[in-house]
Structures are given as C-alpha cells and as structure tokens.
Amino acid sequence: MRKILIIWAATVVLFWGWHFVSYYDLGPTFFFSKNFHDHMYGIYAQVLNIPASEVPIKVAWVFVFDTFIVFGIAALRWYKRWLPQLLAFIKSKLGFHKADENDDNSSQIVNGPVHPAE
C-alpha cells in the first residue's frame, strides 16, 4: 500500500509542479516554458474536444476523484488499526464509557451481588 501511495503522491506532485512552473514560465528549459505548456494543453483540448482553458480544471477533478479512490482503498486496508481507536475516541468524547460504567455499578448495587447457584 505504501508503494501505491508513493506512486500516487509522485504523480500529483510531478504533474502539478510541472503545471505551475510552466504556467508561470519559471523553468530553464523548453519543457517548462509557457509555449510548451500551451501546446500540451492544446493537444489535450483537441483530443478531449473541449476548450484548452478547461483542461486544468478537468485534470484537477480527475486528481480529486483519484485521491478519494486511493484513500478509500487505504482506509479499507487499515480499518482494523484505526476503527477501534476511532470508536473508542468517539465514545469517550460523547460520554458513553461513563454511562456504561454507571449502569453496571448501579445495577449491582440495586440487585446486590450475583452469587452462583448452589
């Protein structure tokens, strides 16, 4: 799972790093130039048959959707670790532990101690 998260994060960082460096024309080579940026998004726009200005927005939504899928898979893989801790935390914050302890103690006091049958 770590490898999947590393590949996902590397893809996101590399793409958006290239996007912003080339968008602001900060790079030293042609790959990071504004001309190459516009040319690449022009190709994407022709392939997808949408305006070139909408391509980064569509790519952003794809990354958001992909992020939900990757973290959903990670959550399902790791739920045995975090679910009991999360439920215990929620119960402690909502006061369920205190209510459970009080109910057990009060029933023993009212009914008396439980003796095994002889």
Protein backbone atom coordinates (compact mmCIF):
# COMPACT_ATOMS: atom_id res chain seq x y z
CA MET A 1 0.00 0.00 0.00
CA ARG A 2 2.92 2.32 0.66
CA LYS A 3 4.10 1.89 -2.91
CA ILE A 4 0.68 2.83 -4.24
CA LEU A 5 0.60 5.95 -2.05
CA ILE A 6 4.13 6.91 -3.13
CA ILE A 7 3.25 6.48 -6.81
CA TRP A 8 0.04 8.47 -6.33
CA ALA A 9 1.83 11.29 -4.49
CA ALA A 10 4.68 11.39 -7.01
CA THR A 11 2.21 11.69 -9.88
CA VAL A 12 0.34 14.51 -8.21
CA VAL A 13 3.49 16.41 -7.25
CA LEU A 14 5.18 15.98 -10.63
CA PHE A 15 2.14 16.96 -12.68
CA TRP A 16 1.13 19.98 -10.64
CA GLY A 17 4.76 21.01 -10.18
CA TRP A 18 5.21 21.00 -13.96
CA HIS A 19 1.87 22.76 -14.43
CA PHE A 20 2.64 25.72 -12.17
CA VAL A 21 6.29 26.06 -13.19
CA SER A 22 5.39 26.04 -16.88
CA TYR A 23 2.28 28.20 -16.39
CA TYR A 24 4.36 30.98 -14.81
CA ASP A 25 7.26 30.31 -17.25
CA LEU A 26 9.78 29.77 -14.45
CA GLY A 27 11.68 26.85 -15.91
CA PRO A 28 15.11 26.96 -17.54
CA THR A 29 14.27 24.60 -20.42
CA PHE A 30 11.67 24.33 -23.17
CA PHE A 31 9.81 21.66 -21.18
CA PHE A 32 8.97 24.26 -18.51
CA SER A 33 8.16 27.11 -20.89
CA LYS A 34 4.79 28.75 -21.35
CA ASN A 35 4.82 27.82 -25.05
CA PHE A 36 5.19 24.12 -24.28
CA HIS A 37 2.51 24.43 -21.60
CA ASP A 38 0.05 25.98 -24.05
CA HIS A 39 0.98 23.44 -26.74
CA MET A 40 0.39 20.45 -24.42
CA TYR A 41 -2.96 21.77 -23.22
CA GLY A 42 -3.88 22.48 -26.85
CA ILE A 43 -3.24 18.82 -27.67
CA TYR A 44 -5.31 17.69 -24.66
CA ALA A 45 -8.10 20.08 -25.71
CA GLN A 46 -8.19 18.67 -29.24
CA VAL A 47 -8.22 15.07 -28.00
CA LEU A 48 -10.96 15.75 -25.44
CA ASN A 49 -12.83 18.20 -27.70
CA ILE A 50 -13.09 20.88 -25.01
CA PRO A 51 -11.61 24.39 -24.72
CA ALA A 52 -7.96 24.48 -23.61
CA SER A 53 -8.81 26.66 -20.62
CA GLU A 54 -10.98 23.87 -19.14
CA VAL A 55 -8.32 21.16 -19.31
CA PRO A 56 -6.58 22.02 -15.99
CA ILE A 57 -9.94 22.07 -14.21
CA LYS A 58 -10.87 18.66 -15.62
CA VAL A 59 -7.46 17.27 -14.65
CA ALA A 60 -7.91 18.67 -11.13
CA TRP A 61 -11.26 16.87 -10.80
CA VAL A 62 -9.63 13.66 -12.02
CA PHE A 63 -6.97 14.00 -9.33
CA VAL A 64 -9.63 14.66 -6.67
CA PHE A 65 -11.58 11.58 -7.74
CA ASP A 66 -8.39 9.53 -7.84
CA THR A 67 -7.48 10.77 -4.36
CA PHE A 68 -10.81 9.60 -2.96
CA ILE A 69 -10.31 6.18 -4.55
CA VAL A 70 -6.73 5.80 -3.26
CA PHE A 71 -7.56 6.91 0.27
CA GLY A 72 -10.74 4.82 0.29
CA ILE A 73 -8.71 1.74 -0.56
CA ALA A 74 -6.15 2.70 2.09
CA ALA A 75 -8.90 3.18 4.68
CA LEU A 76 -10.35 -0.23 3.90
CA ARG A 77 -6.93 -1.81 4.18
CA TRP A 78 -6.14 -0.11 7.50
CA TYR A 79 -9.56 -0.10 9.16
CA LYS A 80 -8.60 -2.81 11.67
CA ARG A 81 -6.00 -0.44 13.07
CA TRP A 82 -7.90 2.82 13.21
CA LEU A 83 -11.56 1.82 13.57
CA PRO A 84 -11.43 0.54 17.18
CA GLN A 85 -9.39 3.57 18.21
CA LEU A 86 -11.77 5.92 16.44
CA LEU A 87 -14.84 4.32 18.04
CA ALA A 88 -13.22 4.46 21.48
CA PHE A 89 -12.36 8.12 20.94
CA ILE A 90 -15.90 8.97 19.83
CA LYS A 91 -17.40 7.07 22.77
CA SER A 92 -15.12 8.84 25.22
CA LYS A 93 -15.97 12.26 23.74
CA LEU A 94 -19.71 11.55 23.76
CA GLY A 95 -19.58 10.14 27.28
CA PHE A 96 -20.71 6.59 26.51
CA HIS A 97 -17.99 5.00 28.64
CA LYS A 98 -19.17 6.87 31.72
CA ALA A 99 -22.78 5.88 31.13
CA ASP A 100 -21.87 2.21 30.65
CA GLU A 101 -19.82 2.14 33.86
CA ASN A 102 -22.56 3.86 35.86
CA ASP A 103 -25.21 1.44 34.58
CA ASP A 104 -23.14 -1.59 35.54
CA ASN A 105 -22.36 -0.28 39.02
CA SER A 106 -25.90 0.88 39.75
CA SER A 107 -27.43 -2.45 38.72
CA GLN A 108 -25.07 -4.34 41.01
CA ILE A 109 -25.88 -2.06 43.92
CA VAL A 110 -29.65 -2.28 43.44
CA ASN A 111 -29.80 -6.01 42.74
CA GLY A 112 -26.98 -6.96 45.10
CA PRO A 113 -24.01 -9.10 44.26
CA VAL A 114 -24.53 -12.01 41.91
CA HIS A 115 -23.95 -15.44 43.53
CA PRO A 116 -23.58 -18.66 41.59
CA ALA A 117 -26.36 -21.16 42.02
CA GLU A 118 -25.60 -23.86 44.60
